[in-house]
Amino acid sequence: MNVLIVGGGKSGSFLAEKLNEKHRVTVVESKIERVKILQKKLPHMTVIHGDGCEPSILEKAGVARSDLVAALTGDDEDNLVISFLSKFQNRVPLVFARINHPRNEWLFNKSWGVDVAVSSTSIIASLVEEEISLGDIVSLLKLQAENLEIEEVTLPPEAESVGKTLSQLNFPPRTLIMAVISGREVKIPRGNTQLHAGDKLLLLSDLELKRQVEETLGI
C-alpha cells in the first residue's frame, strides 16, 4: 500500500516507523531538522521537505498515487486543508486526520475530506497494520455512508464499566468495539477483555446511539 504521511513530528515519525516495513511510505515535513532526523533514522523511506498544504508539495510526494493519506501535523487547520486537497483534488481513497484540539472535532468530517478522524496515532497504526486493506477501504466508506462513525472513548476512573468485562456490558445494536488501547498495548476485544481506568475504546457505532453507548459505559 502507498501511504503518505504529512507531518514528521513525534506522531508522524512513530507511524512511519511502524508502517515502513510493510508499506511504501512517504513523509512530508516542513522543518528541515526533522527531515534530516527522519532521513537518518529511516534511510530507505522517502522524506520530502515542504509544506503539505501546498498542492505542488503533495504532488511531488505522489499524493495522486496514494492509497492512504494521514494528516498528522500539530495544526488542525493544516490537517483539514491536507485532507481536503487529498480527497477532492486527488481522489485519495482513504484519509486519516489527527485532531489536536477536541474543540475542533466537529470540523473533521466528510465535508473536509476526512474519512477517519482520530486523536491517537497508535490507533491509526493499529488500523493500518491490522485492519485496512484496499478491500477494507470500500467496506469502511460504505459503513460511514450508512450513518456510522468511528469514535475514540476514554474511560475515566469513575466510569461504571471500569473493572467489568465486555461480555458484562449490553451495548446497543449497530455498535462494534474495534480495539481497546490500554497503556501502550492495543488489544483485540474479546468477551473476557476487562476494562480499566484510562483505557481507550475505538468504537464503530450509529451516530444516533452515541448517548446510549456512553450510558452503557457509565460515563
N, C-alpha and C. Protein backbone atom coordinates (compact mmCIF):
# COMPACT_ATOMS: atom_id res chain seq x y z
N MET A 1 0.84 -1.19 0.00
CA MET A 1 0.00 0.00 0.00
C MET A 1 0.88 1.25 0.00
N ASN A 2 0.51 2.25 -0.77
CA ASN A 2 1.21 3.53 -0.78
C ASN A 2 0.61 4.44 0.30
N VAL A 3 1.42 4.80 1.28
CA VAL A 3 0.97 5.62 2.40
C VAL A 3 1.72 6.94 2.40
N LEU A 4 0.98 8.03 2.45
CA LEU A 4 1.58 9.36 2.53
C LEU A 4 1.25 9.96 3.89
N ILE A 5 2.29 10.27 4.65
CA ILE A 5 2.14 10.88 5.97
C ILE A 5 2.60 12.33 5.88
N VAL A 6 1.73 13.24 6.27
CA VAL A 6 2.09 14.67 6.25
C VAL A 6 2.24 15.12 7.70
N GLY A 7 3.48 15.44 8.05
CA GLY A 7 3.80 15.78 9.43
C GLY A 7 4.77 14.77 10.00
N GLY A 8 6.02 15.16 10.15
CA GLY A 8 7.04 14.22 10.60
C GLY A 8 7.48 14.41 12.03
N GLY A 9 6.57 14.93 12.87
CA GLY A 9 6.89 15.08 14.29
C GLY A 9 6.82 13.74 14.99
N LYS A 10 6.54 13.74 16.30
CA LYS A 10 6.50 12.50 17.06
C LYS A 10 5.45 11.54 16.52
N SER A 11 4.27 12.07 16.21
CA SER A 11 3.19 11.22 15.72
C SER A 11 3.52 10.66 14.34
N GLY A 12 3.95 11.55 13.44
CA GLY A 12 4.24 11.12 12.07
C GLY A 12 5.40 10.15 12.00
N SER A 13 6.47 10.41 12.77
CA SER A 13 7.63 9.53 12.74
C SER A 13 7.30 8.18 13.35
N PHE A 14 6.46 8.17 14.39
CA PHE A 14 6.02 6.92 15.01
C PHE A 14 5.27 6.06 14.00
N LEU A 15 4.31 6.68 13.30
CA LEU A 15 3.52 5.94 12.33
C LEU A 15 4.39 5.47 11.16
N ALA A 16 5.27 6.33 10.70
CA ALA A 16 6.15 5.97 9.57
C ALA A 16 7.01 4.77 9.92
N GLU A 17 7.57 4.78 11.13
CA GLU A 17 8.43 3.68 11.56
C GLU A 17 7.64 2.37 11.66
N LYS A 18 6.38 2.46 12.13
CA LYS A 18 5.54 1.28 12.28
C LYS A 18 5.17 0.67 10.93
N LEU A 19 4.96 1.54 9.94
CA LEU A 19 4.42 1.06 8.67
C LEU A 19 5.47 0.83 7.59
N ASN A 20 6.68 1.33 7.81
CA ASN A 20 7.68 1.33 6.75
C ASN A 20 8.08 -0.06 6.26
N GLU A 21 8.02 -1.05 7.13
CA GLU A 21 8.46 -2.40 6.75
C GLU A 21 7.48 -3.09 5.80
N LYS A 22 6.19 -2.77 5.94
CA LYS A 22 5.17 -3.48 5.16
C LYS A 22 4.56 -2.65 4.04
N HIS A 23 4.78 -1.36 4.07
CA HIS A 23 4.14 -0.48 3.09
C HIS A 23 5.15 0.50 2.50
N ARG A 24 4.79 1.11 1.38
CA ARG A 24 5.62 2.15 0.75
C ARG A 24 5.22 3.49 1.36
N VAL A 25 6.08 4.01 2.20
CA VAL A 25 5.74 5.21 2.98
C VAL A 25 6.53 6.42 2.50
N THR A 26 5.81 7.53 2.36
CA THR A 26 6.43 8.82 2.05
C THR A 26 6.00 9.80 3.14
N VAL A 27 6.94 10.59 3.62
CA VAL A 27 6.64 11.58 4.65
C VAL A 27 6.94 12.98 4.13
N VAL A 28 6.04 13.91 4.39
CA VAL A 28 6.25 15.33 4.08
C VAL A 28 6.40 16.07 5.40
N GLU A 29 7.46 16.83 5.54
CA GLU A 29 7.73 17.57 6.78
C GLU A 29 8.26 18.96 6.43
N SER A 30 7.74 19.98 7.14
CA SER A 30 8.10 21.36 6.82
C SER A 30 9.38 21.83 7.50
N LYS A 31 9.80 21.16 8.57
CA LYS A 31 11.00 21.58 9.29
C LYS A 31 12.20 20.74 8.86
N ILE A 32 13.23 21.41 8.38
CA ILE A 32 14.38 20.72 7.81
C ILE A 32 15.10 19.85 8.84
N GLU A 33 15.08 20.28 10.13
CA GLU A 33 15.75 19.48 11.16
C GLU A 33 15.09 18.11 11.29
N ARG A 34 13.76 18.10 11.25
CA ARG A 34 13.03 16.83 11.35
C ARG A 34 13.26 15.97 10.11
N VAL A 35 13.34 16.63 8.95
CA VAL A 35 13.61 15.89 7.71
C VAL A 35 14.92 15.14 7.82
N LYS A 36 15.96 15.80 8.32
CA LYS A 36 17.27 15.18 8.45
C LYS A 36 17.24 14.02 9.44
N ILE A 37 16.50 14.19 10.53
CA ILE A 37 16.39 13.12 11.53
C ILE A 37 15.71 11.90 10.93
N LEU A 38 14.62 12.13 10.19
CA LEU A 38 13.88 11.03 9.57
C LEU A 38 14.72 10.32 8.51
N GLN A 39 15.44 11.10 7.73
CA GLN A 39 16.28 10.50 6.68
C GLN A 39 17.37 9.63 7.28
N LYS A 40 17.88 10.04 8.42
CA LYS A 40 18.92 9.25 9.09
C LYS A 40 18.32 8.03 9.76
N LYS A 41 17.15 8.20 10.35
CA LYS A 41 16.51 7.11 11.10
C LYS A 41 15.94 6.05 10.17
N LEU A 42 15.35 6.49 9.06
CA LEU A 42 14.72 5.57 8.10
C LEU A 42 15.24 5.88 6.70
N PRO A 43 16.47 5.46 6.40
CA PRO A 43 17.11 5.84 5.14
C PRO A 43 16.43 5.30 3.89
N HIS A 44 15.65 4.24 4.01
CA HIS A 44 15.01 3.65 2.84
C HIS A 44 13.62 4.26 2.57
N MET A 45 13.22 5.20 3.38
CA MET A 45 11.91 5.84 3.22
C MET A 45 12.07 7.19 2.55
N THR A 46 11.11 7.58 1.73
CA THR A 46 11.15 8.88 1.05
C THR A 46 10.65 9.97 1.99
N VAL A 47 11.49 10.97 2.21
CA VAL A 47 11.12 12.11 3.06
C VAL A 47 11.29 13.38 2.25
N ILE A 48 10.22 14.17 2.20
CA ILE A 48 10.21 15.39 1.38
C ILE A 48 10.08 16.61 2.28
N HIS A 49 10.93 17.58 2.05
CA HIS A 49 10.88 18.84 2.80
C HIS A 49 9.92 19.80 2.12
N GLY A 50 8.92 20.24 2.85
CA GLY A 50 7.97 21.20 2.28
C GLY A 50 6.70 21.29 3.10
N ASP A 51 5.85 22.23 2.70
CA ASP A 51 4.57 22.47 3.36
C ASP A 51 3.50 21.59 2.73
N GLY A 52 2.94 20.66 3.50
CA GLY A 52 1.94 19.74 2.99
C GLY A 52 0.64 20.38 2.58
N CYS A 53 0.45 21.65 2.92
CA CYS A 53 -0.75 22.37 2.49
C CYS A 53 -0.62 22.89 1.07
N GLU A 54 0.60 22.82 0.51
CA GLU A 54 0.84 23.28 -0.85
C GLU A 54 0.57 22.14 -1.84
N PRO A 55 -0.34 22.35 -2.80
CA PRO A 55 -0.63 21.30 -3.78
C PRO A 55 0.60 20.77 -4.51
N SER A 56 1.56 21.65 -4.78
CA SER A 56 2.76 21.23 -5.51
C SER A 56 3.60 20.25 -4.69
N ILE A 57 3.63 20.45 -3.37
CA ILE A 57 4.38 19.56 -2.49
C ILE A 57 3.69 18.19 -2.40
N LEU A 58 2.36 18.22 -2.29
CA LEU A 58 1.61 16.96 -2.26
C LEU A 58 1.80 16.20 -3.57
N GLU A 59 1.80 16.93 -4.67
CA GLU A 59 2.01 16.30 -5.98
C GLU A 59 3.39 15.66 -6.04
N LYS A 60 4.41 16.37 -5.55
CA LYS A 60 5.77 15.85 -5.54
C LYS A 60 5.87 14.58 -4.69
N ALA A 61 5.04 14.52 -3.63
CA ALA A 61 5.06 13.37 -2.73
C ALA A 61 4.25 12.20 -3.26
N GLY A 62 3.60 12.39 -4.40
CA GLY A 62 2.84 11.30 -5.01
C GLY A 62 1.46 11.09 -4.42
N VAL A 63 0.81 12.18 -4.01
CA VAL A 63 -0.49 12.04 -3.38
C VAL A 63 -1.51 11.35 -4.28
N ALA A 64 -1.44 11.59 -5.58
CA ALA A 64 -2.41 11.00 -6.51
C ALA A 64 -2.28 9.49 -6.60
N ARG A 65 -1.12 8.96 -6.22
CA ARG A 65 -0.89 7.51 -6.26
C ARG A 65 -1.09 6.86 -4.89
N SER A 66 -1.44 7.67 -3.91
CA SER A 66 -1.54 7.16 -2.54
C SER A 66 -2.85 6.41 -2.31
N ASP A 67 -2.75 5.31 -1.58
CA ASP A 67 -3.95 4.58 -1.15
C ASP A 67 -4.49 5.16 0.14
N LEU A 68 -3.60 5.78 0.91
CA LEU A 68 -3.99 6.34 2.20
C LEU A 68 -3.13 7.57 2.49
N VAL A 69 -3.78 8.62 2.98
CA VAL A 69 -3.07 9.82 3.43
C VAL A 69 -3.39 10.02 4.91
N ALA A 70 -2.35 10.26 5.71
CA ALA A 70 -2.53 10.56 7.13
C ALA A 70 -2.03 11.97 7.39
N ALA A 71 -2.94 12.88 7.72
CA ALA A 71 -2.59 14.26 8.02
C ALA A 71 -2.33 14.36 9.52
N LEU A 72 -1.04 14.47 9.89
CA LEU A 72 -0.65 14.36 11.29
C LEU A 72 0.16 15.56 11.79
N THR A 73 -0.10 16.73 11.23
CA THR A 73 0.62 17.90 11.72
C THR A 73 0.05 18.31 13.07
N GLY A 74 0.74 19.23 13.71
CA GLY A 74 0.27 19.72 15.00
C GLY A 74 -0.73 20.84 14.89
N ASP A 75 -1.19 21.12 13.69
CA ASP A 75 -2.14 22.21 13.45
C ASP A 75 -3.40 21.65 12.81
N ASP A 76 -4.53 21.82 13.47
CA ASP A 76 -5.79 21.27 12.95
C ASP A 76 -6.18 21.88 11.61
N GLU A 77 -5.94 23.17 11.44
CA GLU A 77 -6.28 23.82 10.16
C GLU A 77 -5.48 23.19 9.03
N ASP A 78 -4.21 22.96 9.26
CA ASP A 78 -3.37 22.32 8.23
C ASP A 78 -3.88 20.92 7.91
N ASN A 79 -4.24 20.17 8.94
CA ASN A 79 -4.72 18.81 8.71
C ASN A 79 -6.00 18.79 7.89
N LEU A 80 -6.86 19.77 8.11
CA LEU A 80 -8.09 19.85 7.33
C LEU A 80 -7.81 20.22 5.87
N VAL A 81 -6.89 21.14 5.65
CA VAL A 81 -6.53 21.54 4.28
C VAL A 81 -5.91 20.35 3.54
N ILE A 82 -5.01 19.63 4.21
CA ILE A 82 -4.38 18.46 3.61
C ILE A 82 -5.42 17.41 3.26
N SER A 83 -6.36 17.19 4.16
CA SER A 83 -7.42 16.21 3.92
C SER A 83 -8.28 16.63 2.73
N PHE A 84 -8.63 17.89 2.67
CA PHE A 84 -9.47 18.41 1.59
C PHE A 84 -8.77 18.24 0.23
N LEU A 85 -7.51 18.63 0.17
CA LEU A 85 -6.76 18.52 -1.09
C LEU A 85 -6.58 17.05 -1.50
N SER A 86 -6.34 16.20 -0.53
CA SER A 86 -6.12 14.78 -0.82
C SER A 86 -7.39 14.13 -1.36
N LYS A 87 -8.50 14.41 -0.72
CA LYS A 87 -9.74 13.74 -1.09
C LYS A 87 -10.37 14.31 -2.36
N PHE A 88 -10.47 15.63 -2.43
CA PHE A 88 -11.26 16.24 -3.50
C PHE A 88 -10.45 16.62 -4.74
N GLN A 89 -9.17 16.89 -4.57
CA GLN A 89 -8.35 17.21 -5.74
C GLN A 89 -7.59 16.00 -6.27
N ASN A 90 -7.34 15.04 -5.39
CA ASN A 90 -6.52 13.90 -5.80
C ASN A 90 -7.20 12.55 -5.63
N ARG A 91 -8.44 12.55 -5.13
CA ARG A 91 -9.26 11.35 -5.03
C ARG A 91 -8.57 10.21 -4.28
N VAL A 92 -7.92 10.53 -3.18
CA VAL A 92 -7.31 9.51 -2.33
C VAL A 92 -8.43 8.69 -1.69
N PRO A 93 -8.36 7.35 -1.77
CA PRO A 93 -9.46 6.52 -1.25
C PRO A 93 -9.73 6.67 0.24
N LEU A 94 -8.67 6.80 1.04
CA LEU A 94 -8.86 6.85 2.49
C LEU A 94 -7.97 7.91 3.11
N VAL A 95 -8.58 8.81 3.89
CA VAL A 95 -7.85 9.92 4.50
C VAL A 95 -8.05 9.88 6.02
N PHE A 96 -6.94 9.74 6.74
CA PHE A 96 -6.94 9.84 8.19
C PHE A 96 -6.51 11.26 8.56
N ALA A 97 -7.09 11.80 9.63
CA ALA A 97 -6.66 13.12 10.09
C ALA A 97 -6.59 13.13 11.61
N ARG A 98 -5.54 13.72 12.10
CA ARG A 98 -5.33 13.82 13.55
C ARG A 98 -6.03 15.07 14.08
N ILE A 99 -6.76 14.89 15.18
CA ILE A 99 -7.39 16.01 15.88
C ILE A 99 -6.48 16.40 17.04
N ASN A 100 -5.97 17.62 17.03
CA ASN A 100 -5.10 18.09 18.10
C ASN A 100 -5.89 18.68 19.25
N HIS A 101 -6.96 19.39 18.93
CA HIS A 101 -7.76 20.07 19.95
C HIS A 101 -9.21 19.60 19.87
N PRO A 102 -9.74 19.02 20.97
CA PRO A 102 -11.10 18.47 20.96
C PRO A 102 -12.16 19.46 20.49
N ARG A 103 -11.95 20.74 20.72
CA ARG A 103 -12.97 21.72 20.33
C ARG A 103 -13.14 21.79 18.81
N ASN A 104 -12.16 21.28 18.07
CA ASN A 104 -12.25 21.30 16.60
C ASN A 104 -12.80 20.01 16.02
N GLU A 105 -13.18 19.09 16.87
CA GLU A 105 -13.58 17.76 16.41
C GLU A 105 -14.74 17.82 15.41
N TRP A 106 -15.66 18.75 15.60
CA TRP A 106 -16.85 18.82 14.74
C TRP A 106 -16.50 19.14 13.29
N LEU A 107 -15.32 19.70 13.05
CA LEU A 107 -14.92 20.05 11.68
C LEU A 107 -14.39 18.86 10.90
N PHE A 108 -13.95 17.82 11.60
CA PHE A 108 -13.28 16.69 10.94
C PHE A 108 -14.32 15.70 10.42
N ASN A 109 -14.89 16.02 9.26
CA ASN A 109 -15.93 15.19 8.68
C ASN A 109 -15.75 15.10 7.17
N LYS A 110 -16.70 14.49 6.51
CA LYS A 110 -16.59 14.26 5.07
C LYS A 110 -16.55 15.55 4.26
N SER A 111 -17.14 16.61 4.80
CA SER A 111 -17.13 17.89 4.08
C SER A 111 -15.71 18.39 3.86
N TRP A 112 -14.81 18.01 4.76
CA TRP A 112 -13.41 18.40 4.64
C TRP A 112 -12.56 17.27 4.08
N GLY A 113 -13.20 16.19 3.67
CA GLY A 113 -12.46 15.08 3.07
C GLY A 113 -11.89 14.09 4.06
N VAL A 114 -12.31 14.17 5.31
CA VAL A 114 -11.80 13.28 6.35
C VAL A 114 -12.67 12.03 6.42
N ASP A 115 -12.06 10.87 6.19
CA ASP A 115 -12.78 9.60 6.33
C ASP A 115 -12.75 9.10 7.76
N VAL A 116 -11.58 9.19 8.39
CA VAL A 116 -11.43 8.73 9.76
C VAL A 116 -10.65 9.78 10.54
N ALA A 117 -11.29 10.33 11.59
CA ALA A 117 -10.64 11.33 12.43
C ALA A 117 -10.36 10.70 13.79
N VAL A 118 -9.10 10.75 14.21
CA VAL A 118 -8.71 10.16 15.50
C VAL A 118 -7.72 11.08 16.19
N SER A 119 -7.61 10.89 17.50
CA SER A 119 -6.66 11.70 18.25
C SER A 119 -5.47 10.89 18.72
N SER A 120 -5.51 9.57 18.52
CA SER A 120 -4.41 8.72 18.95
C SER A 120 -3.72 8.09 17.74
N THR A 121 -2.44 8.40 17.56
CA THR A 121 -1.71 7.85 16.42
C THR A 121 -1.55 6.34 16.53
N SER A 122 -1.52 5.81 17.75
CA SER A 122 -1.40 4.36 17.91
C SER A 122 -2.60 3.65 17.30
N ILE A 123 -3.76 4.31 17.34
CA ILE A 123 -4.96 3.73 16.74
C ILE A 123 -4.82 3.69 15.23
N ILE A 124 -4.28 4.76 14.64
CA ILE A 124 -4.07 4.78 13.19
C ILE A 124 -3.14 3.64 12.79
N ALA A 125 -2.05 3.48 13.54
CA ALA A 125 -1.10 2.42 13.23
C ALA A 125 -1.76 1.06 13.31
N SER A 126 -2.57 0.87 14.35
CA SER A 126 -3.26 -0.41 14.52
C SER A 126 -4.22 -0.69 13.38
N LEU A 127 -4.97 0.33 12.99
CA LEU A 127 -5.92 0.17 11.90
C LEU A 127 -5.23 -0.21 10.60
N VAL A 128 -4.15 0.51 10.29
CA VAL A 128 -3.46 0.26 9.03
C VAL A 128 -2.79 -1.11 9.04
N GLU A 129 -2.15 -1.46 10.16
CA GLU A 129 -1.41 -2.72 10.23
C GLU A 129 -2.33 -3.93 10.29
N GLU A 130 -3.44 -3.81 11.03
CA GLU A 130 -4.25 -4.99 11.31
C GLU A 130 -5.57 -5.04 10.54
N GLU A 131 -6.09 -3.89 10.16
CA GLU A 131 -7.45 -3.86 9.66
C GLU A 131 -7.59 -3.45 8.20
N ILE A 132 -6.81 -2.49 7.75
CA ILE A 132 -7.11 -1.83 6.50
C ILE A 132 -6.37 -2.46 5.32
N SER A 133 -7.11 -2.87 4.32
CA SER A 133 -6.57 -3.27 3.04
C SER A 133 -7.37 -2.50 2.00
N LEU A 134 -7.01 -2.64 0.74
CA LEU A 134 -7.76 -1.91 -0.29
C LEU A 134 -9.22 -2.33 -0.29
N GLY A 135 -9.48 -3.61 -0.04
CA GLY A 135 -10.86 -4.07 0.03
C GLY A 135 -11.58 -3.50 1.22
N ASP A 136 -10.86 -3.37 2.35
CA ASP A 136 -11.46 -2.82 3.55
C ASP A 136 -11.86 -1.36 3.39
N ILE A 137 -11.12 -0.65 2.54
CA ILE A 137 -11.44 0.76 2.32
C ILE A 137 -12.88 0.92 1.84
N VAL A 138 -13.27 0.08 0.90
CA VAL A 138 -14.62 0.15 0.36
C VAL A 138 -15.64 -0.12 1.46
N SER A 139 -15.36 -1.14 2.28
CA SER A 139 -16.28 -1.50 3.36
C SER A 139 -16.41 -0.37 4.37
N LEU A 140 -15.27 0.25 4.71
CA LEU A 140 -15.28 1.33 5.68
C LEU A 140 -16.10 2.51 5.18
N LEU A 141 -15.88 2.90 3.94
CA LEU A 141 -16.63 4.03 3.40
C LEU A 141 -18.12 3.71 3.29
N LYS A 142 -18.46 2.45 3.00
CA LYS A 142 -19.86 2.05 2.94
C LYS A 142 -20.50 2.17 4.31
N LEU A 143 -19.79 1.75 5.35
CA LEU A 143 -20.31 1.85 6.70
C LEU A 143 -20.57 3.30 7.08
N GLN A 144 -19.65 4.19 6.69
CA GLN A 144 -19.84 5.60 7.01
C GLN A 144 -21.05 6.17 6.29
N ALA A 145 -21.29 5.68 5.09
CA ALA A 145 -22.45 6.15 4.34
C ALA A 145 -23.75 5.71 5.00
N GLU A 146 -23.68 4.66 5.82
CA GLU A 146 -24.86 4.15 6.50
C GLU A 146 -25.02 4.77 7.89
N ASN A 147 -24.50 5.98 8.07
CA ASN A 147 -24.68 6.75 9.29
C ASN A 147 -23.91 6.17 10.48
N LEU A 148 -22.78 5.53 10.20
CA LEU A 148 -21.92 5.03 11.26
C LEU A 148 -20.66 5.89 11.33
N GLU A 149 -20.07 5.95 12.52
CA GLU A 149 -18.83 6.71 12.66
C GLU A 149 -17.86 5.98 13.58
N ILE A 150 -16.58 6.26 13.40
CA ILE A 150 -15.56 5.72 14.29
C ILE A 150 -15.26 6.77 15.35
N GLU A 151 -15.28 6.33 16.61
CA GLU A 151 -15.08 7.27 17.70
C GLU A 151 -14.15 6.66 18.74
N GLU A 152 -13.34 7.50 19.34
CA GLU A 152 -12.46 7.08 20.43
C GLU A 152 -13.03 7.57 21.75
N VAL A 153 -13.21 6.65 22.71
CA VAL A 153 -13.76 7.00 24.02
C VAL A 153 -12.75 6.59 25.09
N THR A 154 -12.42 7.53 25.99
CA THR A 154 -11.52 7.24 27.10
C THR A 154 -12.31 7.04 28.37
N LEU A 155 -12.04 5.96 29.09
CA LEU A 155 -12.77 5.65 30.31
C LEU A 155 -12.18 6.41 31.50
N PRO A 156 -12.96 7.29 32.13
CA PRO A 156 -12.46 7.96 33.34
C PRO A 156 -12.49 6.99 34.52
N PRO A 157 -11.75 7.28 35.58
CA PRO A 157 -11.71 6.37 36.73
C PRO A 157 -13.09 6.07 37.33
N GLU A 158 -14.00 7.04 37.25
CA GLU A 158 -15.32 6.86 37.87
C GLU A 158 -16.32 6.15 36.97
N ALA A 159 -15.93 5.75 35.75
CA ALA A 159 -16.85 5.08 34.83
C ALA A 159 -17.34 3.76 35.43
N GLU A 160 -18.63 3.49 35.32
CA GLU A 160 -19.22 2.29 35.90
C GLU A 160 -18.72 1.02 35.23
N SER A 161 -18.20 1.13 34.03
CA SER A 161 -17.73 -0.04 33.29
C SER A 161 -16.32 -0.46 33.68
N VAL A 162 -15.60 0.39 34.43
CA VAL A 162 -14.24 0.06 34.87
C VAL A 162 -14.28 -1.19 35.76
N GLY A 163 -13.46 -2.18 35.43
CA GLY A 163 -13.43 -3.41 36.19
C GLY A 163 -14.32 -4.50 35.62
N LYS A 164 -15.18 -4.13 34.68
CA LYS A 164 -16.08 -5.11 34.07
C LYS A 164 -15.47 -5.64 32.77
N THR A 165 -15.97 -6.80 32.34
CA THR A 165 -15.56 -7.35 31.05
C THR A 165 -16.57 -6.90 29.99
N LEU A 166 -16.17 -6.98 28.73
CA LEU A 166 -17.06 -6.54 27.64
C LEU A 166 -18.34 -7.37 27.60
N SER A 167 -18.25 -8.65 27.97
CA SER A 167 -19.45 -9.50 27.94
C SER A 167 -20.47 -9.09 28.99
N GLN A 168 -20.05 -8.33 29.98
CA GLN A 168 -20.97 -7.88 31.03
C GLN A 168 -21.70 -6.59 30.65
N LEU A 169 -21.32 -6.01 29.52
CA LEU A 169 -21.92 -4.75 29.10
C LEU A 169 -22.87 -4.98 27.93
N ASN A 170 -24.01 -4.37 28.01
CA ASN A 170 -25.04 -4.55 26.98
C ASN A 170 -25.03 -3.36 26.02
N PHE A 171 -24.17 -3.44 25.00
CA PHE A 171 -24.07 -2.34 24.04
C PHE A 171 -25.28 -2.33 23.11
N PRO A 172 -25.68 -1.14 22.66
CA PRO A 172 -26.81 -1.06 21.73
C PRO A 172 -26.47 -1.68 20.39
N PRO A 173 -27.49 -2.01 19.57
CA PRO A 173 -27.22 -2.59 18.25
C PRO A 173 -26.45 -1.61 17.37
N ARG A 174 -25.83 -2.12 16.31
CA ARG A 174 -25.04 -1.31 15.38
C ARG A 174 -23.88 -0.63 16.11
N THR A 175 -23.31 -1.34 17.09
CA THR A 175 -22.14 -0.84 17.81
C THR A 175 -21.08 -1.94 17.84
N LEU A 176 -19.88 -1.62 17.40
CA LEU A 176 -18.79 -2.59 17.35
C LEU A 176 -17.56 -2.00 18.02
N ILE A 177 -16.98 -2.73 18.98
CA ILE A 177 -15.73 -2.32 19.60
C ILE A 177 -14.60 -2.87 18.74
N MET A 178 -13.85 -2.00 18.11
CA MET A 178 -12.81 -2.41 17.18
C MET A 178 -11.48 -2.67 17.86
N ALA A 179 -11.20 -1.93 18.94
CA ALA A 179 -9.93 -2.11 19.64
C ALA A 179 -10.03 -1.49 21.02
N VAL A 180 -9.23 -2.00 21.95
CA VAL A 180 -9.10 -1.43 23.28
C VAL A 180 -7.63 -1.10 23.48
N ILE A 181 -7.33 0.18 23.69
CA ILE A 181 -5.95 0.60 23.90
C ILE A 181 -5.75 0.82 25.38
N SER A 182 -4.92 -0.02 25.99
CA SER A 182 -4.66 0.03 27.42
C SER A 182 -3.18 0.33 27.62
N GLY A 183 -2.88 1.56 28.00
CA GLY A 183 -1.48 1.98 28.08
C GLY A 183 -0.87 1.99 26.69
N ARG A 184 0.20 1.21 26.47
CA ARG A 184 0.84 1.12 25.16
C ARG A 184 0.38 -0.12 24.39
N GLU A 185 -0.55 -0.88 24.98
CA GLU A 185 -0.98 -2.13 24.37
C GLU A 185 -2.30 -1.95 23.63
N VAL A 186 -2.33 -2.43 22.39
CA VAL A 186 -3.57 -2.43 21.61
C VAL A 186 -4.15 -3.85 21.67
N LYS A 187 -5.32 -3.98 22.28
CA LYS A 187 -5.94 -5.29 22.49
C LYS A 187 -7.05 -5.54 21.48
N ILE A 188 -7.10 -6.76 20.98
CA ILE A 188 -8.24 -7.18 20.18
C ILE A 188 -9.37 -7.51 21.16
N PRO A 189 -10.52 -6.83 21.06
CA PRO A 189 -11.58 -7.03 22.06
C PRO A 189 -12.17 -8.43 22.04
N ARG A 190 -12.29 -9.01 23.22
CA ARG A 190 -12.94 -10.30 23.42
C ARG A 190 -13.99 -10.14 24.52
N GLY A 191 -14.82 -11.14 24.68
CA GLY A 191 -15.83 -11.08 25.73
C GLY A 191 -15.23 -10.96 27.11
N ASN A 192 -14.04 -11.59 27.32
CA ASN A 192 -13.41 -11.56 28.64
C ASN A 192 -12.41 -10.42 28.81
N THR A 193 -12.38 -9.48 27.85
CA THR A 193 -11.49 -8.32 27.96
C THR A 193 -11.99 -7.41 29.07
N GLN A 194 -11.17 -7.19 30.07
CA GLN A 194 -11.56 -6.35 31.20
C GLN A 194 -11.14 -4.90 30.95
N LEU A 195 -12.03 -3.99 31.33
CA LEU A 195 -11.78 -2.57 31.11
C LEU A 195 -11.16 -1.93 32.36
N HIS A 196 -10.25 -1.00 32.11
CA HIS A 196 -9.56 -0.31 33.20
C HIS A 196 -9.66 1.20 33.01
N ALA A 197 -9.49 1.92 34.08
CA ALA A 197 -9.50 3.39 34.01
C ALA A 197 -8.39 3.86 33.07
N GLY A 198 -8.73 4.77 32.19
CA GLY A 198 -7.77 5.29 31.23
C GLY A 198 -7.73 4.53 29.93
N ASP A 199 -8.41 3.38 29.85
CA ASP A 199 -8.47 2.64 28.59
C ASP A 199 -9.16 3.48 27.52
N LYS A 200 -8.68 3.31 26.28
CA LYS A 200 -9.32 3.98 25.15
C LYS A 200 -10.01 2.92 24.29
N LEU A 201 -11.29 3.13 24.03
CA LEU A 201 -12.05 2.21 23.20
C LEU A 201 -12.26 2.83 21.83
N LEU A 202 -11.94 2.07 20.79
CA LEU A 202 -12.20 2.51 19.43
C LEU A 202 -13.52 1.86 18.99
N LEU A 203 -14.54 2.68 18.82
CA LEU A 203 -15.89 2.20 18.56
C LEU A 203 -16.36 2.54 17.16
N LEU A 204 -17.09 1.62 16.55
CA LEU A 204 -17.82 1.89 15.32
C LEU A 204 -19.28 1.82 15.69
N SER A 205 -19.99 2.94 15.57
CA SER A 205 -21.35 2.97 16.10
C SER A 205 -22.24 3.91 15.29
N ASP A 206 -23.54 3.69 15.42
CA ASP A 206 -24.53 4.55 14.81
C ASP A 206 -24.46 5.93 15.45
N LEU A 207 -24.49 6.95 14.63
CA LEU A 207 -24.40 8.32 15.13
C LEU A 207 -25.48 8.64 16.16
N GLU A 208 -26.66 8.06 15.98
CA GLU A 208 -27.79 8.37 16.85
C GLU A 208 -27.73 7.63 18.18
N LEU A 209 -26.78 6.71 18.33
CA LEU A 209 -26.71 5.89 19.55
C LEU A 209 -25.58 6.32 20.48
N LYS A 210 -24.98 7.46 20.20
CA LYS A 210 -23.83 7.90 20.98
C LYS A 210 -24.14 7.97 22.47
N ARG A 211 -25.28 8.56 22.81
CA ARG A 211 -25.63 8.70 24.22
C ARG A 211 -25.86 7.34 24.87
N GLN A 212 -26.48 6.40 24.15
CA GLN A 212 -26.71 5.07 24.69
C GLN A 212 -25.40 4.34 24.95
N VAL A 213 -24.43 4.53 24.06
CA VAL A 213 -23.11 3.92 24.24
C VAL A 213 -22.46 4.47 25.51
N GLU A 214 -22.55 5.78 25.69
CA GLU A 214 -21.97 6.41 26.89
C GLU A 214 -22.64 5.90 28.15
N GLU A 215 -23.97 5.71 28.10
CA GLU A 215 -24.69 5.20 29.28
C GLU A 215 -24.28 3.76 29.57
N THR A 216 -24.04 2.96 28.52
CA THR A 216 -23.59 1.58 28.72
C THR A 216 -22.25 1.55 29.41
N LEU A 217 -21.36 2.47 29.04
CA LEU A 217 -20.04 2.53 29.64
C LEU A 217 -20.06 3.24 31.00
N GLY A 218 -21.18 3.89 31.31
CA GLY A 218 -21.30 4.56 32.59
C GLY A 218 -20.43 5.79 32.70
N ILE A 219 -20.39 6.57 31.62
CA ILE A 219 -19.58 7.80 31.63
C ILE A 219 -20.47 9.02 31.38
